[in-house]
């Protein structure tokens, strides 16, 4: 019984990581498509909504949105 329970826990943990990876990839792609003239709050709100409409839960939406915007803002700072 313990082996089955442990296997299930491992599968669920990997599924969550894969889910976050997919959401982050989708957020990065969508962030590139957003207009650069939008303010930061609007970009955040639109990315979050985009992910939420695709069924991701709040935590995944927040993490993926933050990752996409952090990477996006890092690209804009380079000369």
N, C-alpha and C. Protein backbone atom coordinates (compact mmCIF):
# COMPACT_ATOMS: atom_id res chain seq x y z
N UNK A 1 0.82 -1.20 0.00
CA UNK A 1 0.00 0.00 0.00
C UNK A 1 0.87 1.26 0.00
N UNK A 2 1.94 1.27 0.79
CA UNK A 2 2.79 2.45 0.85
C UNK A 2 3.46 2.74 -0.49
N UNK A 3 3.85 1.70 -1.20
CA UNK A 3 4.47 1.89 -2.50
C UNK A 3 3.52 2.54 -3.49
N UNK A 4 2.27 2.16 -3.44
CA UNK A 4 1.27 2.72 -4.33
C UNK A 4 1.00 4.17 -3.97
N UNK A 5 0.90 4.43 -2.69
CA UNK A 5 0.65 5.79 -2.21
C UNK A 5 1.83 6.70 -2.54
N UNK A 6 3.04 6.20 -2.37
CA UNK A 6 4.23 6.99 -2.68
C UNK A 6 4.31 7.25 -4.18
N UNK A 7 3.99 6.26 -4.99
CA UNK A 7 4.01 6.43 -6.44
C UNK A 7 3.00 7.47 -6.88
N UNK A 8 1.83 7.45 -6.26
CA UNK A 8 0.80 8.43 -6.60
C UNK A 8 1.26 9.84 -6.23
N UNK A 9 1.90 9.98 -5.07
CA UNK A 9 2.39 11.30 -4.63
C UNK A 9 3.45 11.82 -5.59
N UNK A 10 4.32 10.95 -6.05
CA UNK A 10 5.37 11.36 -6.98
C UNK A 10 4.76 11.78 -8.32
N UNK A 11 3.80 11.01 -8.81
CA UNK A 11 3.14 11.36 -10.07
C UNK A 11 2.43 12.70 -9.97
N UNK A 12 1.77 12.95 -8.85
CA UNK A 12 1.07 14.22 -8.66
C UNK A 12 2.05 15.39 -8.59
N UNK A 13 3.19 15.18 -7.94
CA UNK A 13 4.19 16.24 -7.84
C UNK A 13 4.74 16.59 -9.22
N UNK A 14 5.03 15.58 -10.02
CA UNK A 14 5.54 15.84 -11.37
C UNK A 14 4.47 16.47 -12.26
N UNK A 15 3.23 16.09 -12.06
CA UNK A 15 2.13 16.67 -12.84
C UNK A 15 2.00 18.16 -12.54
N UNK A 16 2.17 18.55 -11.27
CA UNK A 16 2.10 19.96 -10.90
C UNK A 16 3.24 20.75 -11.53
N UNK A 17 4.43 20.18 -11.54
CA UNK A 17 5.59 20.85 -12.15
C UNK A 17 5.36 21.01 -13.64
N UNK A 18 4.86 19.96 -14.28
CA UNK A 18 4.59 20.01 -15.72
C UNK A 18 3.51 21.05 -16.02
N UNK A 19 2.51 21.12 -15.18
CA UNK A 19 1.43 22.09 -15.34
C UNK A 19 1.98 23.52 -15.26
N UNK A 20 2.84 23.77 -14.29
CA UNK A 20 3.44 25.09 -14.14
C UNK A 20 4.33 25.42 -15.34
N UNK A 21 5.08 24.44 -15.81
CA UNK A 21 5.94 24.65 -16.99
C UNK A 21 5.11 25.02 -18.21
N UNK A 22 4.01 24.31 -18.41
CA UNK A 22 3.14 24.60 -19.57
C UNK A 22 2.51 25.99 -19.44
N UNK A 23 2.07 26.34 -18.23
CA UNK A 23 1.46 27.65 -18.02
C UNK A 23 2.48 28.76 -18.23
N UNK A 24 3.70 28.55 -17.75
CA UNK A 24 4.75 29.55 -17.90
C UNK A 24 5.11 29.73 -19.38
N UNK A 25 5.20 28.64 -20.11
CA UNK A 25 5.49 28.73 -21.55
C UNK A 25 4.38 29.50 -22.28
N UNK A 26 3.12 29.22 -21.92
CA UNK A 26 2.00 29.92 -22.54
C UNK A 26 2.02 31.40 -22.18
N UNK A 27 2.37 31.71 -20.93
CA UNK A 27 2.44 33.10 -20.49
C UNK A 27 3.56 33.86 -21.21
N UNK A 28 4.69 33.22 -21.40
CA UNK A 28 5.80 33.85 -22.13
C UNK A 28 5.38 34.16 -23.57
N UNK A 29 4.73 33.20 -24.20
CA UNK A 29 4.30 33.40 -25.58
C UNK A 29 3.28 34.53 -25.67
N UNK A 30 2.33 34.54 -24.74
CA UNK A 30 1.30 35.59 -24.75
C UNK A 30 1.90 36.95 -24.41
N UNK A 31 2.88 37.00 -23.51
CA UNK A 31 3.52 38.26 -23.13
C UNK A 31 4.21 38.90 -24.33
N UNK A 32 4.81 38.08 -25.18
CA UNK A 32 5.46 38.61 -26.38
C UNK A 32 4.44 39.19 -27.35
N UNK A 33 3.20 38.68 -27.32
CA UNK A 33 2.16 39.15 -28.23
C UNK A 33 1.44 40.40 -27.73
N UNK A 34 1.59 40.71 -26.44
CA UNK A 34 0.94 41.90 -25.89
C UNK A 34 1.62 43.17 -26.38
N UNK A 35 0.85 44.21 -26.50
CA UNK A 35 1.38 45.49 -26.95
C UNK A 35 2.39 46.04 -25.94
N UNK A 36 3.53 46.49 -26.41
CA UNK A 36 4.54 47.04 -25.50
C UNK A 36 4.12 48.38 -24.87
N UNK A 37 3.07 48.98 -25.38
CA UNK A 37 2.63 50.27 -24.83
C UNK A 37 1.74 50.10 -23.60
N UNK A 38 1.35 48.86 -23.28
CA UNK A 38 0.50 48.63 -22.11
C UNK A 38 1.31 48.83 -20.83
N UNK A 39 0.65 49.38 -19.81
CA UNK A 39 1.34 49.54 -18.52
C UNK A 39 1.46 48.17 -17.84
N UNK A 40 2.30 48.11 -16.83
CA UNK A 40 2.63 46.83 -16.18
C UNK A 40 1.40 46.16 -15.58
N UNK A 41 0.53 46.91 -14.95
CA UNK A 41 -0.66 46.33 -14.32
C UNK A 41 -1.60 45.72 -15.36
N UNK A 42 -1.76 46.38 -16.48
CA UNK A 42 -2.62 45.86 -17.55
C UNK A 42 -2.04 44.58 -18.14
N UNK A 43 -0.72 44.56 -18.34
CA UNK A 43 -0.06 43.35 -18.85
C UNK A 43 -0.27 42.19 -17.87
N UNK A 44 -0.09 42.47 -16.58
CA UNK A 44 -0.27 41.44 -15.54
C UNK A 44 -1.71 40.92 -15.55
N UNK A 45 -2.66 41.82 -15.58
CA UNK A 45 -4.07 41.43 -15.55
C UNK A 45 -4.44 40.60 -16.78
N UNK A 46 -3.97 41.00 -17.94
CA UNK A 46 -4.29 40.27 -19.17
C UNK A 46 -3.64 38.89 -19.20
N UNK A 47 -2.39 38.79 -18.76
CA UNK A 47 -1.74 37.48 -18.72
C UNK A 47 -2.44 36.55 -17.74
N UNK A 48 -2.75 37.08 -16.56
CA UNK A 48 -3.44 36.27 -15.55
C UNK A 48 -4.78 35.79 -16.10
N UNK A 49 -5.56 36.68 -16.69
CA UNK A 49 -6.85 36.31 -17.26
C UNK A 49 -6.73 35.27 -18.37
N UNK A 50 -5.72 35.43 -19.20
CA UNK A 50 -5.46 34.49 -20.29
C UNK A 50 -5.28 33.08 -19.73
N UNK A 51 -4.47 32.95 -18.68
CA UNK A 51 -4.21 31.64 -18.08
C UNK A 51 -5.43 31.11 -17.33
N UNK A 52 -6.11 31.99 -16.61
CA UNK A 52 -7.29 31.57 -15.84
C UNK A 52 -8.38 31.03 -16.77
N UNK A 53 -8.56 31.67 -17.91
CA UNK A 53 -9.56 31.19 -18.87
C UNK A 53 -9.22 29.83 -19.45
N UNK A 54 -7.97 29.47 -19.38
CA UNK A 54 -7.55 28.15 -19.86
C UNK A 54 -7.58 27.11 -18.76
N UNK A 55 -8.06 27.48 -17.58
CA UNK A 55 -8.30 26.50 -16.52
C UNK A 55 -7.21 26.36 -15.48
N UNK A 56 -6.17 27.16 -15.54
CA UNK A 56 -5.13 27.06 -14.52
C UNK A 56 -5.63 27.68 -13.22
N UNK A 57 -5.23 27.11 -12.09
CA UNK A 57 -5.67 27.65 -10.82
C UNK A 57 -4.89 28.91 -10.45
N UNK A 58 -5.34 29.57 -9.40
CA UNK A 58 -4.79 30.87 -9.01
C UNK A 58 -3.27 30.83 -8.81
N UNK A 59 -2.79 29.84 -8.07
CA UNK A 59 -1.35 29.76 -7.78
C UNK A 59 -0.51 29.61 -9.03
N UNK A 60 -0.95 28.76 -9.93
CA UNK A 60 -0.22 28.55 -11.18
C UNK A 60 -0.27 29.81 -12.03
N UNK A 61 -1.44 30.46 -12.09
CA UNK A 61 -1.56 31.71 -12.86
C UNK A 61 -0.61 32.77 -12.32
N UNK A 62 -0.55 32.92 -11.02
CA UNK A 62 0.32 33.94 -10.42
C UNK A 62 1.79 33.64 -10.69
N UNK A 63 2.21 32.39 -10.48
CA UNK A 63 3.61 32.04 -10.68
C UNK A 63 4.02 32.21 -12.14
N UNK A 64 3.19 31.74 -13.05
CA UNK A 64 3.52 31.83 -14.47
C UNK A 64 3.52 33.28 -14.94
N UNK A 65 2.55 34.07 -14.48
CA UNK A 65 2.49 35.49 -14.84
C UNK A 65 3.72 36.23 -14.32
N UNK A 66 4.07 35.99 -13.07
CA UNK A 66 5.24 36.65 -12.50
C UNK A 66 6.52 36.27 -13.25
N UNK A 67 6.65 34.99 -13.60
CA UNK A 67 7.85 34.54 -14.33
C UNK A 67 7.92 35.20 -15.71
N UNK A 68 6.79 35.24 -16.41
CA UNK A 68 6.78 35.82 -17.75
C UNK A 68 7.09 37.31 -17.71
N UNK A 69 6.52 38.02 -16.76
CA UNK A 69 6.75 39.46 -16.68
C UNK A 69 8.15 39.79 -16.19
N UNK A 70 8.69 38.97 -15.31
CA UNK A 70 10.06 39.19 -14.83
C UNK A 70 11.05 39.02 -15.98
N UNK A 71 10.87 37.97 -16.77
CA UNK A 71 11.75 37.73 -17.91
C UNK A 71 11.58 38.81 -18.97
N UNK A 72 10.34 39.23 -19.18
CA UNK A 72 10.05 40.26 -20.17
C UNK A 72 10.66 41.60 -19.78
N UNK A 73 10.57 41.96 -18.51
CA UNK A 73 11.13 43.23 -18.07
C UNK A 73 12.65 43.20 -18.09
N UNK A 74 13.23 42.02 -17.90
CA UNK A 74 14.67 41.89 -17.98
C UNK A 74 15.17 42.13 -19.39
N UNK A 75 14.40 41.73 -20.40
CA UNK A 75 14.80 41.93 -21.78
C UNK A 75 14.75 43.40 -22.17
N UNK A 76 13.79 44.16 -21.60
CA UNK A 76 13.63 45.57 -21.95
C UNK A 76 14.76 46.43 -21.37
N UNK A 77 15.41 45.97 -20.30
CA UNK A 77 16.43 46.77 -19.64
C UNK A 77 17.79 46.70 -20.34
N UNK A 78 17.95 45.74 -21.23
CA UNK A 78 19.24 45.60 -21.89
C UNK A 78 19.38 46.64 -22.99
N UNK A 79 20.53 47.32 -23.08
CA UNK A 79 20.73 48.35 -24.11
C UNK A 79 20.93 47.78 -25.48
